[in-house]
Amino acid sequence: MEEVLIIGGGFAGLAAGVALAKAGRRVRLLEQKPHLGGRARSFVDPQSGFLVDNGQHIIMGCYHAALRFLGEIGTLERIALQCRLRVHFLEPPGRLTTLECPNLPSPWHMLAGVLRSDSFGWREKREVLRLGRALASEEKSRDSLSALTVEEWLVRLGQSEKVRRGFWDLLAIAALNEDPRRAAAAVFARVLRLALFSSPADSRLGIPRFGLSDCYTGAAQAYITSRGGQVELNRSVAGFLIAEGVCRGVRLADGSEIEAASVVSAVPWHELARLLPGELLRSEPTFTNLLALRPAPIISINLWYDRAITELDFAALRGTTVQWLFNRSRIPSAGENCISLVLSGAHALTSRSKEELLTVALGDLGELLPAAREAKLLHSLVIKERFATFSPCVGVDELRPPARSPVRGLYLAGDWTATRLPATIEGAVASGYAAAQALLKRD
């Protein structure tokens, strides 16, 4: 049985490994770092000793590939999935409202939820319902969105600035990790159809009740090794062995080589560009397009207080710089009274110092939660991920490569590949499955 070599141990690489191992292939997965998880992992904060996620992630009911993956490796119960969609909104001076969708057939669950919600005035409710109707009609003419940003599309559909800033922008930034003035409307429309207007079950949100790594890395590794595969850490790949349009393996940083009939690259796009021969990167359009992809940053701010400042699991934040709040006190190893704040698409903020960002976050919390003004901050940790995701800007679909590369024996996985999804856990897992399927089909 020929060995399949996988480069990269994040969601994409591990999903590809699990799929190939299940199909009876012997998998050998190489990870450059001393841990699995890539950009979606947990680590112990050395100062506090508490477990921290590298960035806050959620699961949705529409994440069919991700839920299948977690079910296959036996960790699905580590995600607390809602019975039905329920989102709280916080805005100064501490006003709390809720959007909760009843268990009705789609799209009535969403429409009824909006109509019953105290998060919108009657004018905003009409605007949201108008967009829902537009989604159904525009699904048949997707080209109409190809040149529009999210902001341009929302304005075209008559969405006021109030409903854009207080609802659609929060969803767009969370799902796409990009400013609505840059992000592609076509990608956002797909997300809305899948997440909000598909079914009540698909609209549900799920929050990990363990550290993110504990939700999948160890279980996926055990799945692969129990079927005769290998997972090797601290294995730095320096380049692919490519000759006459065929990939026959990889060259490691120490100069040694590993030969394989099939290689799955599950590294970020900018890492893939580094591993390819320069001539191939310049001459093959599939690979040249990688150079046009741009990153989008995420900033996470973790705060530990001397007392609880909220009972909410999570909330969308209106009228503040910080966009989302997550209560990590539900994760025992994260420490008591731990709050995680998220700033996605944070291009304008990455240059600011961690001290400045902390000041902004504390100011926002003070406006939203009276208890935060009275509580004592014990510890904080600011995490900047400058290359958190690719930027789903207008025209990005034309730049994203398929799972089957132009080089025979080389397959591509990663949330940045042609999944038609943004850079989410679902996109990463779906890409891993797509790469495994392409490999098995060709063989």
Protein backbone atom coordinates (compact mmCIF):
# COMPACT_ATOMS: atom_id res chain seq x y z
CA MET A 1 0.00 0.00 0.00
CA GLU A 2 1.45 3.33 -1.09
CA GLU A 3 1.93 5.98 1.55
CA VAL A 4 0.20 9.37 1.33
CA LEU A 5 2.23 12.27 2.66
CA ILE A 6 0.36 15.19 4.25
CA ILE A 7 2.08 18.49 5.04
CA GLY A 8 0.38 20.47 7.80
CA GLY A 9 -1.48 19.44 10.95
CA GLY A 10 -4.35 21.91 11.23
CA PHE A 11 -8.01 21.19 10.55
CA ALA A 12 -7.43 20.74 6.80
CA GLY A 13 -4.49 18.35 7.10
CA LEU A 14 -6.03 16.29 9.87
CA ALA A 15 -9.37 16.05 8.05
CA ALA A 16 -7.57 14.84 4.92
CA GLY A 17 -5.63 12.36 7.03
CA VAL A 18 -8.74 11.00 8.72
CA ALA A 19 -10.57 10.65 5.40
CA LEU A 20 -7.64 8.86 3.76
CA ALA A 21 -7.05 6.61 6.76
CA LYS A 22 -10.72 5.67 6.75
CA ALA A 23 -10.39 4.78 3.05
CA GLY A 24 -7.57 2.40 3.92
CA ARG A 25 -4.59 4.53 2.93
CA ARG A 26 -1.45 4.66 5.04
CA VAL A 27 -1.00 8.29 6.08
CA ARG A 28 2.17 10.05 7.09
CA LEU A 29 1.51 13.57 8.34
CA LEU A 30 4.30 16.08 8.91
CA GLU A 31 3.83 19.16 11.08
CA GLN A 32 6.50 21.86 11.29
CA LYS A 33 5.62 22.96 14.82
CA PRO A 34 5.87 20.98 18.07
CA HIS A 35 2.08 20.82 18.23
CA LEU A 36 -0.90 20.16 15.98
CA GLY A 37 -3.69 22.62 15.28
CA GLY A 38 -2.16 25.27 13.05
CA ARG A 39 -4.00 28.57 13.48
CA ALA A 40 -6.82 26.84 15.39
CA ARG A 41 -5.23 25.54 18.56
CA SER A 42 -4.93 25.96 22.31
CA PHE A 43 -1.92 26.69 24.45
CA VAL A 44 -1.14 27.35 28.10
CA ASP A 45 -0.50 30.98 28.98
CA PRO A 46 2.88 30.77 30.73
CA GLN A 47 2.12 33.66 33.10
CA SER A 48 -1.27 32.53 34.38
CA GLY A 49 -1.15 28.80 33.66
CA PHE A 50 -4.60 28.97 32.05
CA LEU A 51 -5.57 27.40 28.74
CA VAL A 52 -6.06 29.91 25.90
CA ASP A 53 -7.28 29.43 22.36
CA ASN A 54 -5.18 31.11 19.70
CA GLY A 55 -8.42 32.70 18.52
CA GLN A 56 -12.07 32.20 19.39
CA HIS A 57 -13.88 29.78 17.06
CA ILE A 58 -17.47 28.66 16.79
CA ILE A 59 -19.28 25.81 15.06
CA MET A 60 -22.61 26.13 13.24
CA GLY A 61 -25.24 23.57 12.39
CA CYS A 62 -24.49 24.21 8.73
CA TYR A 63 -20.90 23.04 9.25
CA HIS A 64 -21.77 19.62 7.88
CA ALA A 65 -18.19 18.63 7.04
CA ALA A 66 -16.84 19.78 10.42
CA LEU A 67 -19.59 18.00 12.36
CA ARG A 68 -18.96 14.84 10.33
CA PHE A 69 -15.24 15.10 11.09
CA LEU A 70 -15.77 15.58 14.84
CA GLY A 71 -18.25 12.71 14.86
CA GLU A 72 -15.78 10.43 13.06
CA ILE A 73 -13.01 11.08 15.60
CA GLY A 74 -15.40 10.92 18.56
CA THR A 75 -15.31 14.47 19.93
CA LEU A 76 -18.62 15.92 18.77
CA GLU A 77 -19.95 16.03 22.32
CA ARG A 78 -17.23 18.56 23.19
CA ILE A 79 -19.19 21.20 21.26
CA ALA A 80 -22.23 22.74 22.97
CA LEU A 81 -24.64 23.19 20.06
CA GLN A 82 -27.74 25.28 20.58
CA CYS A 83 -31.21 23.76 20.25
CA ARG A 84 -32.09 26.74 18.06
CA LEU A 85 -30.38 29.96 17.05
CA ARG A 86 -30.16 32.47 19.85
CA VAL A 87 -27.91 35.54 19.74
CA HIS A 88 -27.66 38.29 22.34
CA PHE A 89 -26.71 41.86 21.40
CA LEU A 90 -25.07 44.28 23.82
CA GLU A 91 -24.80 48.00 23.20
CA PRO A 92 -24.03 51.08 25.28
CA PRO A 93 -25.10 51.96 27.91
CA GLY A 94 -25.60 48.25 28.69
CA ARG A 95 -28.77 47.50 26.70
CA LEU A 96 -29.29 43.76 26.09
CA THR A 97 -31.51 42.44 23.30
CA THR A 98 -32.01 39.00 21.76
CA LEU A 99 -32.65 37.35 18.41
CA GLU A 100 -34.12 33.88 18.92
CA CYS A 101 -35.52 31.77 16.09
CA PRO A 102 -38.40 29.32 16.61
CA ASN A 103 -38.38 25.80 15.21
CA LEU A 104 -40.24 26.56 11.98
CA PRO A 105 -39.44 25.51 8.41
CA SER A 106 -36.93 27.73 6.63
CA PRO A 107 -37.04 30.63 5.93
CA TRP A 108 -39.92 31.17 8.36
CA HIS A 109 -37.76 30.38 11.39
CA MET A 110 -35.52 33.35 10.58
CA LEU A 111 -38.32 35.66 9.54
CA ALA A 112 -40.34 34.90 12.68
CA GLY A 113 -37.25 35.32 14.82
CA VAL A 114 -36.56 38.77 13.38
CA LEU A 115 -40.19 39.89 13.74
CA ARG A 116 -40.30 38.80 17.39
CA SER A 117 -36.90 40.20 18.31
CA ASP A 118 -36.40 43.32 20.42
CA SER A 119 -33.03 43.81 18.68
CA PHE A 120 -34.63 45.66 15.77
CA GLY A 121 -37.10 48.46 15.27
CA TRP A 122 -39.95 47.95 12.80
CA ARG A 123 -38.05 49.70 10.03
CA GLU A 124 -35.00 47.49 10.58
CA LYS A 125 -37.19 44.38 10.64
CA ARG A 126 -38.62 45.27 7.23
CA GLU A 127 -35.11 45.79 5.88
CA VAL A 128 -33.89 42.41 7.15
CA LEU A 129 -36.92 40.66 5.64
CA ARG A 130 -36.29 42.48 2.35
CA LEU A 131 -32.76 41.09 2.23
CA GLY A 132 -34.06 37.59 2.92
CA ARG A 133 -36.36 37.82 -0.09
CA ALA A 134 -33.52 39.18 -2.21
CA LEU A 135 -31.31 36.21 -1.31
CA ALA A 136 -33.85 33.82 -2.75
CA SER A 137 -34.16 35.72 -6.03
CA GLU A 138 -30.44 36.39 -6.46
CA GLU A 139 -29.49 32.75 -5.97
CA LYS A 140 -30.45 32.17 -9.59
CA SER A 141 -28.28 35.05 -10.82
CA ARG A 142 -25.09 34.82 -8.80
CA ASP A 143 -23.15 36.83 -11.35
CA SER A 144 -25.04 39.93 -10.19
CA LEU A 145 -22.95 39.90 -7.01
CA SER A 146 -19.57 39.11 -8.50
CA ALA A 147 -18.30 42.71 -8.60
CA LEU A 148 -19.90 44.00 -5.39
CA THR A 149 -18.56 44.38 -1.89
CA VAL A 150 -20.77 43.44 1.05
CA GLU A 151 -21.33 47.13 1.79
CA GLU A 152 -22.34 47.91 -1.82
CA TRP A 153 -24.73 44.96 -1.92
CA LEU A 154 -26.40 45.87 1.36
CA VAL A 155 -26.85 49.48 0.29
CA ARG A 156 -28.30 48.31 -3.04
CA LEU A 157 -30.84 46.22 -1.10
CA GLY A 158 -31.95 49.24 0.94
CA GLN A 159 -30.30 48.29 4.21
CA SER A 160 -29.93 51.41 6.35
CA GLU A 161 -26.70 52.28 8.08
CA LYS A 162 -28.24 51.37 11.42
CA VAL A 163 -29.11 47.80 10.42
CA ARG A 164 -25.84 47.42 8.53
CA ARG A 165 -23.67 48.45 11.46
CA GLY A 166 -25.78 46.77 14.13
CA PHE A 167 -26.51 43.45 12.41
CA TRP A 168 -25.18 42.61 8.94
CA ASP A 169 -21.69 44.00 9.55
CA LEU A 170 -21.36 41.97 12.74
CA LEU A 171 -22.30 38.82 10.87
CA ALA A 172 -20.09 39.63 7.90
CA ILE A 173 -17.03 40.43 9.99
CA ALA A 174 -17.50 37.30 12.11
CA ALA A 175 -18.00 35.01 9.12
CA LEU A 176 -15.56 36.56 6.64
CA ASN A 177 -12.97 38.19 8.93
CA GLU A 178 -12.97 41.22 6.68
CA ASP A 179 -14.32 44.75 6.54
CA PRO A 180 -17.66 44.79 4.66
CA ARG A 181 -16.21 47.55 2.47
CA ARG A 182 -13.60 45.06 1.22
CA ALA A 183 -15.32 41.68 1.50
CA ALA A 184 -17.04 40.07 -1.48
CA ALA A 185 -20.84 40.11 -1.48
CA ALA A 186 -20.92 36.78 -3.32
CA VAL A 187 -19.13 35.00 -0.46
CA PHE A 188 -21.31 36.63 2.18
CA ALA A 189 -24.50 35.76 0.32
CA ARG A 190 -23.45 32.09 0.27
CA VAL A 191 -22.82 32.22 4.02
CA LEU A 192 -26.23 33.74 4.71
CA ARG A 193 -28.03 31.14 2.61
CA LEU A 194 -26.24 28.29 4.36
CA ALA A 195 -26.30 29.66 7.90
CA LEU A 196 -29.51 31.64 8.24
CA PHE A 197 -31.89 30.70 5.43
CA SER A 198 -31.35 26.96 5.01
CA SER A 199 -32.93 25.28 8.05
CA PRO A 200 -33.37 25.89 11.79
CA ALA A 201 -30.84 23.13 12.52
CA ASP A 202 -28.25 24.72 10.24
CA SER A 203 -28.67 28.12 11.91
CA ARG A 204 -27.64 26.90 15.37
CA LEU A 205 -24.37 28.03 16.95
CA GLY A 206 -21.98 25.78 18.83
CA ILE A 207 -19.30 26.81 21.33
CA PRO A 208 -16.42 24.48 22.34
CA ARG A 209 -16.60 23.42 25.98
CA PHE A 210 -12.96 22.42 25.91
CA GLY A 211 -9.83 24.08 24.61
CA LEU A 212 -9.89 24.07 20.83
CA SER A 213 -6.98 21.64 20.47
CA ASP A 214 -8.71 19.20 22.83
CA CYS A 215 -11.70 19.19 20.49
CA TYR A 216 -9.85 17.55 17.63
CA THR A 217 -6.04 17.32 17.46
CA GLY A 218 -5.34 14.40 19.77
CA ALA A 219 -8.39 12.44 18.64
CA ALA A 220 -7.55 12.92 14.95
CA GLN A 221 -3.96 11.87 15.55
CA ALA A 222 -5.14 8.74 17.39
CA TYR A 223 -7.54 7.95 14.54
CA ILE A 224 -4.73 8.11 11.97
CA THR A 225 -2.15 6.18 13.99
CA SER A 226 -4.65 3.46 14.96
CA ARG A 227 -4.99 2.72 11.25
CA GLY A 228 -1.30 2.33 10.62
CA GLY A 229 -0.45 5.98 9.96
CA GLN A 230 2.14 8.32 11.45
CA VAL A 231 1.94 11.87 12.76
CA GLU A 232 5.34 13.55 13.13
CA LEU A 233 5.93 16.91 14.82
CA ASN A 234 8.91 19.25 14.43
CA ARG A 235 9.27 18.17 10.79
CA SER A 236 10.01 21.24 8.72
CA VAL A 237 9.46 20.90 4.97
CA ALA A 238 11.71 23.07 2.79
CA GLY A 239 10.21 22.28 -0.61
CA PHE A 240 8.44 19.85 -2.88
CA LEU A 241 10.33 17.41 -5.08
CA ILE A 242 8.84 18.26 -8.46
CA ALA A 243 10.22 17.25 -11.86
CA GLU A 244 8.52 17.10 -15.27
CA GLY A 245 5.16 18.03 -13.81
CA VAL A 246 5.15 15.27 -11.17
CA CYS A 247 5.57 15.54 -7.41
CA ARG A 248 7.47 12.64 -5.91
CA GLY A 249 7.76 13.86 -2.32
CA VAL A 250 9.32 16.61 -0.20
CA ARG A 251 12.70 17.87 0.89
CA LEU A 252 13.08 18.62 4.59
CA ALA A 253 14.92 21.56 6.13
CA ASP A 254 17.73 19.24 7.23
CA GLY A 255 18.34 18.25 3.61
CA SER A 256 16.82 14.79 3.79
CA GLU A 257 14.06 13.70 1.41
CA ILE A 258 10.83 11.78 1.83
CA GLU A 259 9.42 10.19 -1.31
CA ALA A 260 5.72 9.58 -1.80
CA ALA A 261 3.48 8.91 -4.78
CA SER A 262 0.91 11.38 -3.44
CA VAL A 263 1.39 14.55 -1.39
CA VAL A 264 -1.36 16.67 0.19
CA SER A 265 -0.27 20.21 1.00
CA ALA A 266 -2.39 21.55 3.87
CA VAL A 267 -0.36 24.66 4.68
CA PRO A 268 -1.40 28.32 4.30
CA TRP A 269 -1.20 29.79 0.80
CA HIS A 270 1.86 31.90 1.56
CA GLU A 271 3.68 28.82 2.88
CA LEU A 272 2.75 26.85 -0.22
CA ALA A 273 4.24 29.58 -2.40
CA ARG A 274 7.48 29.26 -0.45
CA LEU A 275 7.63 25.48 -1.00
CA LEU A 276 7.07 25.56 -4.76
CA PRO A 277 9.92 25.84 -7.28
CA GLY A 278 10.26 29.48 -8.37
CA GLU A 279 9.83 28.71 -12.06
CA LEU A 280 6.58 26.84 -11.43
CA LEU A 281 5.29 29.64 -9.20
CA ARG A 282 5.93 32.17 -11.97
CA SER A 283 4.64 30.14 -14.92
CA GLU A 284 1.62 28.19 -13.68
CA PRO A 285 -1.47 30.45 -13.25
CA THR A 286 -2.92 28.26 -10.50
CA PHE A 287 0.14 28.94 -8.38
CA THR A 288 0.78 32.49 -9.58
CA ASN A 289 -2.65 33.42 -8.23
CA LEU A 290 -1.40 32.61 -4.74
CA LEU A 291 0.70 35.76 -4.86
CA ALA A 292 -2.46 37.86 -5.19
CA LEU A 293 -4.14 36.49 -2.06
CA ARG A 294 -3.97 38.84 0.90
CA PRO A 295 -4.15 38.16 4.66
CA ALA A 296 -6.73 39.43 7.13
CA PRO A 297 -5.82 39.75 10.82
CA ILE A 298 -7.69 38.85 13.99
CA ILE A 299 -7.00 40.23 17.46
CA SER A 300 -8.12 38.32 20.55
CA ILE A 301 -8.09 39.91 23.99
CA ASN A 302 -8.38 37.56 26.97
CA LEU A 303 -9.29 39.04 30.35
CA TRP A 304 -9.37 37.41 33.80
CA TYR A 305 -11.37 39.19 36.52
CA ASP A 306 -11.75 38.67 40.25
CA ARG A 307 -15.48 38.11 39.81
CA ALA A 308 -18.04 37.27 37.14
CA ILE A 309 -18.99 40.23 34.95
CA THR A 310 -21.64 38.50 32.81
CA GLU A 311 -23.70 35.32 32.68
CA LEU A 312 -23.93 35.37 28.89
CA ASP A 313 -22.16 32.62 26.95
CA PHE A 314 -21.45 35.04 24.10
CA ALA A 315 -22.78 38.26 22.63
CA ALA A 316 -22.50 40.45 19.56
CA LEU A 317 -21.39 43.98 20.50
CA ARG A 318 -22.89 47.07 18.90
CA GLY A 319 -21.43 50.54 18.87
CA THR A 320 -18.01 49.45 20.13
CA THR A 321 -14.62 48.71 18.62
CA VAL A 322 -14.70 45.14 19.91
CA GLN A 323 -17.20 43.05 17.97
CA TRP A 324 -17.85 39.83 19.91
CA LEU A 325 -17.64 38.69 23.53
CA PHE A 326 -17.21 35.06 24.65
CA ASN A 327 -17.44 33.83 28.22
CA ARG A 328 -14.64 31.27 28.55
CA SER A 329 -15.44 30.62 32.21
CA ARG A 330 -17.48 27.67 30.90
CA ILE A 331 -14.16 25.96 30.08
CA PRO A 332 -12.68 24.79 33.41
CA SER A 333 -9.03 24.91 32.28
CA ALA A 334 -9.48 28.49 31.01
CA GLY A 335 -9.76 29.83 34.54
CA GLU A 336 -12.59 31.49 36.45
CA ASN A 337 -14.15 34.72 35.22
CA CYS A 338 -12.36 34.66 31.86
CA ILE A 339 -13.71 36.76 29.01
CA SER A 340 -12.43 36.64 25.42
CA LEU A 341 -13.03 39.60 23.11
CA VAL A 342 -12.62 39.43 19.34
CA LEU A 343 -11.72 42.05 16.73
CA SER A 344 -11.90 40.52 13.26
CA GLY A 345 -10.68 42.09 10.03
CA ALA A 346 -8.50 44.22 12.28
CA HIS A 347 -6.29 45.82 9.62
CA ALA A 348 -6.31 49.24 11.24
CA LEU A 349 -5.57 47.93 14.72
CA THR A 350 -2.66 45.52 14.35
CA SER A 351 -0.15 48.39 14.46
CA ARG A 352 -1.44 49.53 17.85
CA SER A 353 0.37 48.33 20.95
CA LYS A 354 -1.10 45.62 23.15
CA GLU A 355 -1.46 48.19 25.90
CA GLU A 356 -3.51 50.44 23.63
CA LEU A 357 -5.71 47.54 22.55
CA LEU A 358 -6.28 46.54 26.16
CA THR A 359 -7.34 50.11 26.99
CA VAL A 360 -9.85 50.06 24.12
CA ALA A 361 -11.25 46.69 25.21
CA LEU A 362 -11.65 47.70 28.83
CA GLY A 363 -13.34 50.93 27.79
CA ASP A 364 -15.80 49.02 25.62
CA LEU A 365 -16.59 46.52 28.39
CA GLY A 366 -17.13 49.33 30.86
CA GLU A 367 -19.77 50.84 28.58
CA LEU A 368 -21.51 47.51 28.06
CA LEU A 369 -21.36 45.78 31.43
CA PRO A 370 -21.67 47.71 34.72
CA ALA A 371 -20.09 44.77 36.56
CA ALA A 372 -16.90 45.21 34.51
CA ARG A 373 -16.43 48.69 35.96
CA GLU A 374 -16.55 47.31 39.49
CA ALA A 375 -14.49 44.16 38.94
CA LYS A 376 -10.72 44.00 39.29
CA LEU A 377 -8.71 42.87 36.28
CA LEU A 378 -6.26 40.20 37.42
CA HIS A 379 -4.55 39.30 34.15
CA SER A 380 -4.81 39.94 30.41
CA LEU A 381 -3.41 38.44 27.24
CA VAL A 382 -3.60 40.08 23.80
CA ILE A 383 -3.04 37.86 20.76
CA LYS A 384 -2.46 39.30 17.28
CA GLU A 385 -2.81 36.90 14.33
CA ARG A 386 -1.70 38.97 11.34
CA PHE A 387 -2.15 36.03 8.95
CA ALA A 388 -5.27 34.64 10.60
CA THR A 389 -7.15 34.09 7.32
CA PHE A 390 -7.10 35.05 3.68
CA SER A 391 -9.05 38.17 2.78
CA PRO A 392 -12.27 37.24 0.89
CA CYS A 393 -12.20 40.41 -1.20
CA VAL A 394 -14.02 40.96 -4.48
CA GLY A 395 -12.70 38.59 -7.16
CA VAL A 396 -11.09 36.20 -4.68
CA ASP A 397 -12.95 33.15 -6.02
CA GLU A 398 -10.95 33.37 -9.23
CA LEU A 399 -7.70 33.15 -7.23
CA ARG A 400 -8.53 30.09 -5.12
CA PRO A 401 -7.17 26.79 -6.51
CA PRO A 402 -9.00 23.45 -6.64
CA ALA A 403 -7.92 20.43 -4.63
CA ARG A 404 -6.26 18.82 -7.65
CA SER A 405 -3.22 20.88 -8.55
CA PRO A 406 -1.59 21.11 -12.01
CA VAL A 407 1.27 18.98 -10.67
CA ARG A 408 0.50 15.28 -10.78
CA GLY A 409 0.58 13.75 -7.31
CA LEU A 410 0.23 17.09 -5.50
CA TYR A 411 -3.11 17.96 -3.90
CA LEU A 412 -4.10 21.15 -2.11
CA ALA A 413 -6.08 21.63 1.09
CA GLY A 414 -6.70 24.68 3.24
CA ASP A 415 -9.54 27.07 4.00
CA TRP A 416 -8.15 29.33 1.25
CA THR A 417 -8.72 26.76 -1.54
CA ALA A 418 -11.79 26.68 -3.79
CA THR A 419 -14.38 25.65 -1.22
CA ARG A 420 -16.64 28.65 -2.01
CA LEU A 421 -16.62 29.22 1.76
CA PRO A 422 -14.79 31.82 3.84
CA ALA A 423 -11.85 30.91 6.10
CA THR A 424 -13.73 28.95 8.76
CA ILE A 425 -13.38 25.57 10.44
CA GLU A 426 -15.94 24.30 7.96
CA GLY A 427 -13.94 25.59 5.00
CA ALA A 428 -10.76 23.97 6.31
CA VAL A 429 -12.36 20.58 6.96
CA ALA A 430 -14.25 20.63 3.65
CA SER A 431 -10.98 21.34 1.84
CA GLY A 432 -9.30 18.39 3.53
CA TYR A 433 -12.12 16.09 2.47
CA ALA A 434 -12.00 17.50 -1.07
CA ALA A 435 -8.27 16.83 -1.33
CA ALA A 436 -8.72 13.26 -0.06
CA GLN A 437 -11.57 12.66 -2.52
CA ALA A 438 -9.56 14.04 -5.45
CA LEU A 439 -6.62 11.80 -4.53
CA LEU A 440 -8.74 8.67 -4.17
CA LYS A 441 -10.60 9.39 -7.39
CA ARG A 442 -7.43 9.86 -9.44
CA ASP A 443 -5.92 6.70 -7.99
